[in-house]
Protein backbone atom coordinates (compact mmCIF):
# COMPACT_ATOMS: atom_id res chain seq x y z
CA UNK A 1 -27.73 -35.49 126.79
CA UNK A 2 -29.27 -35.37 123.32
CA UNK A 3 -27.01 -36.22 120.43
CA UNK A 4 -26.88 -36.12 116.66
CA UNK A 5 -25.41 -38.83 114.47
CA UNK A 6 -22.43 -37.97 112.26
CA UNK A 7 -20.30 -40.13 110.01
CA UNK A 8 -16.64 -40.30 109.00
CA UNK A 9 -14.36 -42.93 107.48
CA UNK A 10 -14.32 -44.83 110.78
CA UNK A 11 -18.10 -45.07 110.88
CA UNK A 12 -20.95 -43.41 112.78
CA UNK A 13 -20.54 -41.52 116.05
CA UNK A 14 -22.85 -39.66 118.42
CA UNK A 15 -22.01 -35.98 118.81
CA UNK A 16 -23.64 -33.73 121.44
CA UNK A 17 -26.57 -32.05 119.68
CA UNK A 18 -25.61 -28.59 120.91
CA UNK A 19 -21.97 -28.81 119.90
CA UNK A 20 -20.74 -26.79 116.94
CA UNK A 21 -17.91 -29.27 116.46
CA UNK A 22 -18.52 -32.62 114.80
CA UNK A 23 -17.28 -36.15 114.38
CA UNK A 24 -13.71 -35.33 113.36
CA UNK A 25 -13.29 -33.17 116.44
CA UNK A 26 -14.84 -35.95 118.55
CA UNK A 27 -12.16 -38.37 117.36
CA UNK A 28 -9.46 -35.86 118.34
CA UNK A 29 -10.98 -35.37 121.81
CA UNK A 30 -10.79 -39.13 122.29
CA UNK A 31 -7.32 -39.47 120.81
CA UNK A 32 -5.45 -36.60 122.46
CA UNK A 33 -6.13 -36.21 126.20
CA UNK A 34 -2.63 -34.73 126.57
CA UNK A 35 -2.37 -31.29 128.18
CA UNK A 36 -5.94 -30.38 129.04
CA UNK A 37 -5.29 -27.08 127.23
CA UNK A 38 -7.43 -26.61 124.15
CA UNK A 39 -6.71 -24.64 121.01
CA UNK A 40 -9.57 -22.38 122.12
CA UNK A 41 -7.40 -21.13 124.97
CA UNK A 42 -5.15 -19.44 122.40
CA UNK A 43 -7.50 -16.73 121.21
CA UNK A 44 -5.03 -15.40 118.64
CA UNK A 45 -4.88 -18.83 116.99
CA UNK A 46 -8.66 -19.19 116.82
CA UNK A 47 -8.97 -15.70 115.41
CA UNK A 48 -6.28 -16.44 112.82
CA UNK A 49 -8.00 -19.69 111.80
CA UNK A 50 -11.29 -17.86 111.31
CA UNK A 51 -9.67 -15.13 109.23
CA UNK A 52 -7.86 -17.70 107.09
CA UNK A 53 -11.12 -19.56 106.40
CA UNK A 54 -12.87 -16.27 105.66
CA UNK A 55 -10.17 -15.26 103.18
CA UNK A 56 -10.45 -18.66 101.48
CA UNK A 57 -14.24 -18.37 101.17
CA UNK A 58 -13.96 -14.87 99.70
CA UNK A 59 -11.36 -16.02 97.16
CA UNK A 60 -13.38 -19.10 96.18
CA UNK A 61 -16.53 -17.01 95.75
CA UNK A 62 -14.65 -14.45 93.66
CA UNK A 63 -13.40 -17.25 91.41
CA UNK A 64 -16.88 -18.77 91.06
CA UNK A 65 -15.90 -21.94 92.91
CA UNK A 66 -18.24 -21.31 95.86
CA UNK A 67 -21.75 -19.93 95.52
CA UNK A 68 -22.47 -16.61 97.17
CA UNK A 69 -25.10 -17.95 99.57
CA UNK A 70 -22.75 -20.43 101.16
CA UNK A 71 -19.81 -18.03 100.98
CA UNK A 72 -21.74 -15.29 102.76
CA UNK A 73 -22.78 -17.69 105.52
CA UNK A 74 -19.19 -18.91 105.97
CA UNK A 75 -17.92 -15.33 106.05
CA UNK A 76 -20.55 -14.35 108.65
CA UNK A 77 -19.60 -17.31 110.86
CA UNK A 78 -15.90 -16.50 110.54
CA UNK A 79 -16.53 -12.87 111.45
CA UNK A 80 -18.31 -13.93 114.63
CA UNK A 81 -15.47 -16.26 115.62
CA UNK A 82 -12.79 -13.68 114.82
CA UNK A 83 -14.77 -11.28 117.02
CA UNK A 84 -14.50 -13.64 120.00
CA UNK A 85 -17.56 -15.89 119.77
CA UNK A 86 -17.57 -19.70 119.96
CA UNK A 87 -13.94 -20.01 121.07
CA UNK A 88 -15.10 -22.52 123.69
CA UNK A 89 -16.08 -24.80 120.77
CA UNK A 90 -12.43 -25.18 119.76
CA UNK A 91 -11.91 -28.15 122.04
CA UNK A 92 -9.04 -30.12 120.51
CA UNK A 93 -5.93 -30.42 122.67
CA UNK A 94 -3.12 -28.15 121.50
CA UNK A 95 -0.74 -31.13 121.31
CA UNK A 96 -2.04 -33.57 118.73
CA UNK A 97 -0.91 -35.91 116.01
CA UNK A 98 -1.67 -35.33 112.36
CA UNK A 99 0.29 -32.12 111.73
CA UNK A 100 -2.65 -29.99 112.92
CA UNK A 101 -5.36 -31.81 110.97
CA UNK A 102 -7.57 -32.03 114.04
CA UNK A 103 -7.28 -28.27 114.58
CA UNK A 104 -8.26 -27.63 110.97
CA UNK A 105 -11.18 -30.10 111.23
CA UNK A 106 -12.34 -28.43 114.46
CA UNK A 107 -12.36 -25.06 112.71
CA UNK A 108 -14.13 -26.43 109.63
CA UNK A 109 -16.88 -28.01 111.72
CA UNK A 110 -17.51 -25.05 114.00
CA UNK A 111 -17.65 -22.67 111.04
CA UNK A 112 -19.88 -25.02 109.04
CA UNK A 113 -22.38 -25.57 111.84
CA UNK A 114 -22.61 -21.88 112.66
CA UNK A 115 -23.03 -21.12 108.95
CA UNK A 116 -25.81 -23.72 108.78
CA UNK A 117 -27.62 -21.93 111.60
CA UNK A 118 -27.23 -18.62 109.77
CA UNK A 119 -28.83 -20.27 106.71
CA UNK A 120 -31.70 -21.61 108.84
CA UNK A 121 -30.60 -25.24 109.00
CA UNK A 122 -29.78 -27.54 111.91
CA UNK A 123 -26.29 -28.35 113.08
CA UNK A 124 -24.96 -31.41 111.28
CA UNK A 125 -27.20 -30.93 108.22
CA UNK A 126 -24.15 -30.98 105.97
CA UNK A 127 -26.10 -31.57 102.76
CA UNK A 128 -26.64 -27.81 102.70
CA UNK A 129 -23.13 -26.72 103.69
CA UNK A 130 -20.28 -29.14 104.32
CA UNK A 131 -17.19 -28.65 106.56
CA UNK A 132 -14.83 -30.15 103.98
CA UNK A 133 -16.51 -29.57 100.63
CA UNK A 134 -17.28 -25.91 101.29
CA UNK A 135 -15.49 -24.49 104.37
CA UNK A 136 -12.26 -26.29 103.46
CA UNK A 137 -12.51 -25.69 99.70
CA UNK A 138 -9.12 -25.11 97.98
CA UNK A 139 -7.38 -25.84 101.27
CA UNK A 140 -5.41 -28.44 103.16
CA UNK A 141 -4.38 -28.56 106.79
CA UNK A 142 -0.86 -28.23 105.44
CA UNK A 143 -1.36 -24.68 104.25
CA UNK A 144 -4.17 -23.51 106.55
CA UNK A 145 -2.53 -24.53 109.82
CA UNK A 146 0.93 -22.98 109.27
CA UNK A 147 -0.70 -19.87 107.80
CA UNK A 148 -2.91 -19.50 110.87
CA UNK A 149 0.09 -20.05 113.16
CA UNK A 150 1.98 -17.25 111.46
CA UNK A 151 -0.92 -14.81 111.58
CA UNK A 152 -1.55 -15.73 115.22
CA UNK A 153 2.13 -15.17 115.99
CA UNK A 154 1.87 -11.68 114.47
CA UNK A 155 -1.10 -10.92 116.72
CA UNK A 156 0.66 -12.28 119.80
CA UNK A 157 4.00 -10.56 119.13
CA UNK A 158 2.19 -7.24 118.83
CA UNK A 159 1.04 -7.68 122.44
CA UNK A 160 4.53 -8.69 123.57
CA UNK A 161 6.08 -5.64 121.91
CA UNK A 162 3.61 -3.41 123.72
CA UNK A 163 4.49 -5.02 127.07
CA UNK A 164 8.23 -4.71 126.37
CA UNK A 165 7.81 -1.05 125.45
CA UNK A 166 6.04 -0.42 128.75
CA UNK A 167 8.86 -2.07 130.68
CA UNK A 168 11.49 -0.16 128.69
CA UNK A 169 9.76 3.13 129.49
CA UNK A 170 9.66 2.22 133.19
CA UNK A 171 13.41 1.53 133.22
CA UNK A 172 14.07 4.75 131.29
CA UNK A 173 12.04 6.70 133.84
CA UNK A 174 14.11 5.21 136.66
CA UNK A 175 17.30 6.04 134.75
CA UNK A 176 16.20 9.67 134.69
CA UNK A 177 15.22 9.60 138.37
CA UNK A 178 18.58 8.13 139.41
CA UNK A 179 20.83 10.11 137.05
CA UNK A 180 22.45 12.01 139.94
CA UNK A 181 22.99 8.97 142.21
CA UNK A 182 26.69 8.10 142.16
CA UNK A 183 27.66 4.50 142.98
CA UNK A 184 30.44 2.00 142.46
CA UNK A 185 30.17 -0.25 139.43
CA UNK A 186 31.26 -3.86 139.59
CA UNK A 187 33.00 -6.34 137.33
CA UNK A 188 33.11 -10.03 138.28
CA UNK A 189 31.22 -9.01 141.45
CA UNK A 190 34.25 -6.99 142.57
CA UNK A 191 34.31 -3.22 143.05
CA UNK A 192 35.26 -1.42 139.85
CA UNK A 193 34.88 2.30 139.07
CA UNK A 194 32.14 4.85 139.71
CA UNK A 195 29.00 5.20 137.61
CA UNK A 196 25.53 6.53 138.25
CA UNK A 197 22.58 4.37 139.18
CA UNK A 198 20.86 6.09 136.27
CA UNK A 199 23.47 4.73 133.89
CA UNK A 200 22.93 1.27 135.31
CA UNK A 201 19.16 1.43 134.78
CA UNK A 202 19.49 2.98 131.32
CA UNK A 203 21.25 -0.17 130.12
CA UNK A 204 18.16 -2.23 130.93
CA UNK A 205 16.06 0.10 128.79
CA UNK A 206 18.53 -0.13 125.91
CA UNK A 207 18.64 -3.94 126.12
CA UNK A 208 14.87 -4.08 125.77
CA UNK A 209 14.87 -1.64 122.87
CA UNK A 210 17.40 -3.78 121.00
CA UNK A 211 15.20 -6.85 121.44
CA UNK A 212 12.14 -4.99 120.22
CA UNK A 213 14.02 -4.33 116.99
CA UNK A 214 15.08 -7.98 116.70
CA UNK A 215 11.48 -9.13 117.14
CA UNK A 216 10.43 -6.81 114.36
CA UNK A 217 12.99 -8.44 112.08
CA UNK A 218 11.81 -11.95 112.98
CA UNK A 219 8.19 -11.07 112.32
CA UNK A 220 9.11 -10.00 108.78
CA UNK A 221 9.87 -13.66 108.02
CA UNK A 222 6.72 -14.86 109.77
CA UNK A 223 4.58 -12.78 107.41
CA UNK A 224 5.65 -15.02 104.50
CA UNK A 225 2.93 -17.69 104.20
CA UNK A 226 2.06 -20.77 102.12
CA UNK A 227 -1.71 -20.33 101.74
CA UNK A 228 -2.68 -21.98 98.47
CA UNK A 229 -0.01 -24.65 98.75
CA UNK A 230 -2.61 -27.29 99.76
CA UNK A 231 -1.15 -30.74 100.46
CA UNK A 232 2.58 -30.46 99.73
CA UNK A 233 3.02 -27.09 98.04
CA UNK A 234 2.01 -27.93 94.48
CA UNK A 235 -1.37 -26.21 94.86
CA UNK A 236 -3.36 -29.25 93.76
CA UNK A 237 -7.16 -28.68 93.64
CA UNK A 238 -6.86 -24.89 93.46
CA UNK A 239 -7.40 -22.31 90.76
CA UNK A 240 -4.07 -20.80 89.70
CA UNK A 241 -5.39 -17.39 90.83
CA UNK A 242 -6.54 -18.60 94.23
CA UNK A 243 -3.36 -18.22 96.30
CA UNK A 244 -2.83 -14.54 95.50
CA UNK A 245 -6.51 -13.69 95.99
CA UNK A 246 -6.71 -15.54 99.33
CA UNK A 247 -3.50 -13.94 100.64
CA UNK A 248 -4.68 -10.48 99.58
CA UNK A 249 -7.94 -11.02 101.45
CA UNK A 250 -6.12 -12.35 104.52
CA UNK A 251 -3.76 -9.36 104.53
CA UNK A 252 -6.72 -7.01 104.53
CA UNK A 253 -8.63 -8.95 107.19
CA UNK A 254 -5.66 -9.38 109.54
CA UNK A 255 -4.13 -5.95 109.09
CA UNK A 256 -0.72 -7.48 108.33
CA UNK A 257 1.16 -7.27 105.06
CA UNK A 258 1.34 -10.96 104.17
CA UNK A 259 3.23 -12.37 101.22
CA UNK A 260 3.24 -15.70 99.41
CA UNK A 261 6.40 -17.70 99.96
CA UNK A 262 8.53 -17.77 96.77
CA UNK A 263 8.48 -21.58 96.78
CA UNK A 264 5.36 -23.15 98.30
CA UNK A 265 6.86 -26.64 98.43
CA UNK A 266 9.75 -25.35 100.50
CA UNK A 267 7.46 -23.24 102.69
CA UNK A 268 5.17 -26.20 103.45
CA UNK A 269 7.97 -28.25 105.00
CA UNK A 270 10.35 -25.60 106.38
CA UNK A 271 9.83 -24.34 109.94
CA UNK A 272 12.92 -22.13 109.97
CA UNK A 273 10.95 -18.94 110.55
CA UNK A 274 9.50 -20.40 113.75
CA UNK A 275 13.00 -21.42 114.88
CA UNK A 276 14.27 -17.90 114.26
CA UNK A 277 11.35 -16.28 116.08
CA UNK A 278 11.80 -18.64 119.00
CA UNK A 279 15.50 -17.80 119.05
CA UNK A 280 14.68 -14.13 119.40
CA UNK A 281 12.23 -14.94 122.18
CA UNK A 282 15.05 -16.87 123.88
CA UNK A 283 17.25 -13.79 123.49
CA UNK A 284 14.56 -11.63 125.12
CA UNK A 285 14.17 -14.14 127.94
CA UNK A 286 17.91 -14.47 128.52
CA UNK A 287 18.50 -10.73 128.79
CA UNK A 288 15.36 -10.18 130.85
CA UNK A 289 16.51 -12.88 133.25
CA UNK A 290 19.94 -11.24 133.52
CA UNK A 291 18.23 -7.95 134.36
CA UNK A 292 16.17 -9.66 137.07
CA UNK A 293 19.33 -11.26 138.45
CA UNK A 294 20.78 -7.75 138.76
CA UNK A 295 17.69 -6.41 140.50
CA UNK A 296 17.77 -9.26 143.00
CA UNK A 297 21.48 -8.76 143.63
CA UNK A 298 21.31 -4.97 143.94
CA UNK A 299 18.44 -5.24 146.40
CA UNK A 300 19.99 -8.08 148.42
CA UNK A 301 20.14 -7.62 152.17
CA UNK A 302 18.87 -5.44 153.65
CA UNK A 303 21.68 -5.72 156.21
CA UNK A 304 24.09 -8.34 154.89
CA UNK A 305 23.75 -7.74 151.14
CA UNK A 306 24.39 -4.97 148.63
CA UNK A 307 21.23 -3.07 149.60
CA UNK A 308 21.71 -0.42 146.91
CA UNK A 309 18.08 -0.36 145.82
CA UNK A 310 14.75 -1.28 147.37
CA UNK A 311 12.20 -3.35 145.48
CA UNK A 312 8.56 -2.75 146.41
CA UNK A 313 7.46 -5.38 148.96
CA UNK A 314 4.79 -7.64 147.48
CA UNK A 315 4.33 -10.41 150.05
CA UNK A 316 5.62 -11.86 153.31
CA UNK A 317 8.79 -13.72 152.46
CA UNK A 318 8.89 -16.49 155.00
CA UNK A 319 6.67 -18.64 157.18
CA UNK A 320 9.41 -18.83 159.83
CA UNK A 321 11.49 -15.64 159.55
CA UNK A 322 9.46 -12.61 160.65
CA UNK A 323 9.83 -9.46 158.57
CA UNK A 324 11.56 -11.16 155.65
CA UNK A 325 10.63 -9.85 152.20
CA UNK A 326 11.78 -11.61 149.03
CA UNK A 327 12.26 -10.33 145.45
CA UNK A 328 9.31 -12.41 144.24
CA UNK A 329 8.56 -10.45 141.06
CA UNK A 330 12.05 -10.77 139.54
CA UNK A 331 12.01 -14.42 140.64
CA UNK A 332 8.83 -15.20 138.71
CA UNK A 333 10.25 -13.51 135.61
CA UNK A 334 13.42 -15.59 135.97
CA UNK A 335 11.26 -18.72 135.90
CA UNK A 336 9.42 -17.54 132.79
CA UNK A 337 12.81 -17.08 131.14
CA UNK A 338 13.84 -20.63 132.02
CA UNK A 339 10.62 -21.92 130.45
CA UNK A 340 11.11 -19.89 127.25
CA UNK A 341 14.65 -21.24 126.87
CA UNK A 342 13.27 -24.78 127.23
CA UNK A 343 10.52 -24.04 124.73
CA UNK A 344 13.18 -22.95 122.26
CA UNK A 345 14.82 -26.36 122.53
CA UNK A 346 11.45 -28.03 121.90
CA UNK A 347 10.80 -25.85 118.82
CA UNK A 348 14.28 -26.57 117.51
CA UNK A 349 13.84 -30.33 117.83
CA UNK A 350 10.34 -30.23 116.31
CA UNK A 351 11.58 -28.25 113.31
CA UNK A 352 14.50 -30.64 112.84
CA UNK A 353 12.20 -33.67 113.12
CA UNK A 354 10.18 -32.94 110.00
CA UNK A 355 10.51 -35.32 107.07
CA UNK A 356 10.22 -34.76 103.35
CA UNK A 357 7.32 -32.53 102.25
CA UNK A 358 5.68 -31.84 105.63
CA UNK A 359 6.57 -31.21 109.24
CA UNK A 360 4.14 -33.20 111.39
CA UNK A 361 5.21 -31.49 114.60
CA UNK A 362 3.87 -27.97 114.14
CA UNK A 363 1.32 -28.45 116.98
CA UNK A 364 4.11 -28.64 119.57
CA UNK A 365 5.82 -25.71 117.84
CA UNK A 366 2.59 -23.73 118.17
CA UNK A 367 2.06 -24.69 121.81
CA UNK A 368 5.65 -23.86 122.77
CA UNK A 369 5.74 -20.64 120.77
CA UNK A 370 2.47 -19.26 122.13
CA UNK A 371 3.41 -20.21 125.70
CA UNK A 372 6.66 -18.30 125.33
CA UNK A 373 4.97 -15.20 123.91
CA UNK A 374 2.08 -15.30 126.34
CA UNK A 375 4.24 -15.75 129.43
CA UNK A 376 6.87 -13.21 128.37
CA UNK A 377 4.08 -10.68 127.79
CA UNK A 378 2.62 -11.31 131.23
CA UNK A 379 6.09 -11.27 132.80
CA UNK A 380 7.00 -7.89 131.30
CA UNK A 381 3.73 -6.37 132.46
CA UNK A 382 4.10 -7.82 135.94
CA UNK A 383 7.70 -6.65 136.27
CA UNK A 384 6.69 -3.16 135.15
CA UNK A 385 3.66 -2.73 137.40
CA UNK A 386 4.76 -4.59 140.52
CA UNK A 387 8.49 -3.97 140.62
CA UNK A 388 10.30 -1.44 138.41
CA UNK A 389 7.95 1.49 138.89
CA UNK A 390 8.31 1.24 142.66
CA UNK A 391 12.10 0.86 142.94
CA UNK A 392 13.87 3.35 145.21
CA UNK A 393 17.57 4.04 145.76
CA UNK A 394 19.49 4.01 149.05
CA UNK A 395 21.22 7.26 148.20
CA UNK A 396 23.14 7.85 151.45
CA UNK A 397 24.56 4.34 151.51
CA UNK A 398 25.68 4.61 147.88
CA UNK A 399 27.33 8.00 148.49
CA UNK A 400 29.26 6.65 151.47
CA UNK A 401 30.45 3.64 149.51
CA UNK A 402 31.76 5.88 146.74
CA UNK A 403 33.58 8.06 149.27
CA UNK A 404 35.36 5.08 150.85
CA UNK A 405 35.84 2.97 147.73
CA UNK A 406 39.34 1.98 146.69
CA UNK A 407 37.96 2.00 143.17
CA UNK A 408 38.35 5.78 143.08
CA UNK A 409 42.09 5.21 142.78
CA UNK A 410 41.55 4.21 139.15
CA UNK A 411 40.46 7.75 138.32
CA UNK A 412 43.78 9.03 139.71
CA UNK A 413 46.00 6.85 137.48
CA UNK A 414 46.65 9.61 134.90
CA UNK A 415 47.56 12.08 137.69
CA UNK A 416 49.61 10.13 140.27
CA UNK A 417 50.68 7.04 138.30
CA UNK A 418 49.69 3.39 138.59
CA UNK A 419 52.12 2.54 141.41
CA UNK A 420 51.00 5.41 143.63
CA UNK A 421 47.35 4.67 142.83
CA UNK A 422 47.91 1.02 143.80
CA UNK A 423 49.51 2.07 147.09
CA UNK A 424 46.58 4.36 147.85
CA UNK A 425 44.03 1.66 146.98
CA UNK A 426 45.72 -0.90 149.22
CA UNK A 427 45.85 1.52 152.14
CA UNK A 428 42.21 2.45 151.62
CA UNK A 429 41.25 -1.22 151.78
CA UNK A 430 43.41 -1.84 154.84
CA UNK A 431 42.37 1.20 156.84
CA UNK A 432 38.86 1.86 155.61
CA UNK A 433 39.78 5.51 154.97
CA UNK A 434 38.78 7.41 151.82
CA UNK A 435 41.00 7.59 148.74
CA UNK A 436 40.83 11.39 148.50
CA UNK A 437 41.84 11.77 152.13
CA UNK A 438 44.85 9.47 151.69
CA UNK A 439 46.01 11.12 148.44
CA UNK A 440 45.96 14.54 150.07
CA UNK A 441 47.71 13.22 153.16
CA UNK A 442 50.47 11.67 151.03
CA UNK A 443 50.94 14.98 149.24
CA UNK A 444 50.15 13.53 145.86
CA UNK A 445 47.37 16.06 145.02
CA UNK A 446 45.71 19.00 146.74
CA UNK A 447 42.01 19.50 147.50
CA UNK A 448 41.30 21.57 144.42
CA UNK A 449 42.93 19.05 142.14
CA UNK A 450 41.07 16.19 143.80
CA UNK A 451 37.74 18.02 143.54
CA UNK A 452 38.25 18.50 139.81
CA UNK A 453 39.33 14.92 139.13
CA UNK A 454 36.72 13.27 141.38
CA UNK A 455 33.73 15.33 140.19
CA UNK A 456 30.81 13.01 139.31
CA UNK A 457 30.66 14.17 135.70
CA UNK A 458 34.38 13.35 135.32
CA UNK A 459 34.14 9.98 137.04
CA UNK A 460 31.26 8.71 134.91
CA UNK A 461 32.20 9.80 131.38
CA UNK A 462 35.21 10.09 129.04
CA UNK A 463 37.51 13.08 129.69
CA UNK A 464 37.31 16.21 127.62
CA UNK A 465 40.46 17.03 125.58
CA UNK A 466 42.93 19.13 127.60
């Protein structure tokens, strides 16, 4: 393998001649063999880094700090990377020391070496365009990295919201399909009062819609960035006009309305917005897992369980029990939820662990946050396509359970009194006979009265006055 010689404060090092990354990235490769997952595997993060560097170059050129020739080359390289090229050159492990410095160095070097090619020079010929002097001008890891994380989170959340909307629409479609299917509701796993299966499924759609709104609120905080803060928030080594210009350019390039944090020193050390976003992701995961628990329970059986609904079969369920089919899609979403809840704990501890003017643990925040978003997005899409859309109802079984349920006695309280209703319910449980049959037999109500009181629209909604 041919190499080129590069130099840093530790001395000389041989870098693969074809690599767009350089000596600083090489040190990080050697130092952090942690997860085997590189920053290049998070495409939103790489794109956000490129857009941040592009915005900085445009601002520096506009202020006369960076000559147009170099600025144009940097911009062209950033545009290629933001468009999907060279992501494989972002080789630093996502978990790293240095508060993200290695990620920033990796980006600087890849952009610089591609810009050198655009200018007609060889990789590593930094006398013409330097990763730190030019690509990193007016910047520090401490404002570039958190800014890129926030922009990347905006990109990633947009995908999650789309996946959640698709799942919500699938549940809403099932709610419409099952609106005429009467069943017995349950509290504490015990029979309660009648409802429709459509009402049950509509709640899952509403739960998702609520979380979509909460994510939108969390993203509003994420769009507040500290670009221009440089090392600790004082803006050292920048033109006083730089921060606003760079943020304006980044807003235009990213398509998001980004704003400068009111206090850049506070914003450079505070990870509260990431904690809040992670908390909302935990909320999404928790409620999604509860929904999957319900789907597994409602489909349990088919002979010794509830067996109210059928989930589409996706795989053989056992290597020993022939014919067994398991609720594998809800199960995988449950596991995603467990992971997201754990990631939230990690993000919380990392945010708490920061000291003084900088939080050194943003790499683990980034890794945990993007895992949560990525896996929740995939989980919602999988649940939609491979489970919810194919759910069917066991209508005859549900109708028979309503007919024989002692829970119907609750609807008769206002007409025959609590004591009589209790007597009817106990006899229904003892004998297995229907509530309506027993009430008529006891002379408490006639058929016409029972038909009016036990009509589905009466059983599943508040009564009309009179």
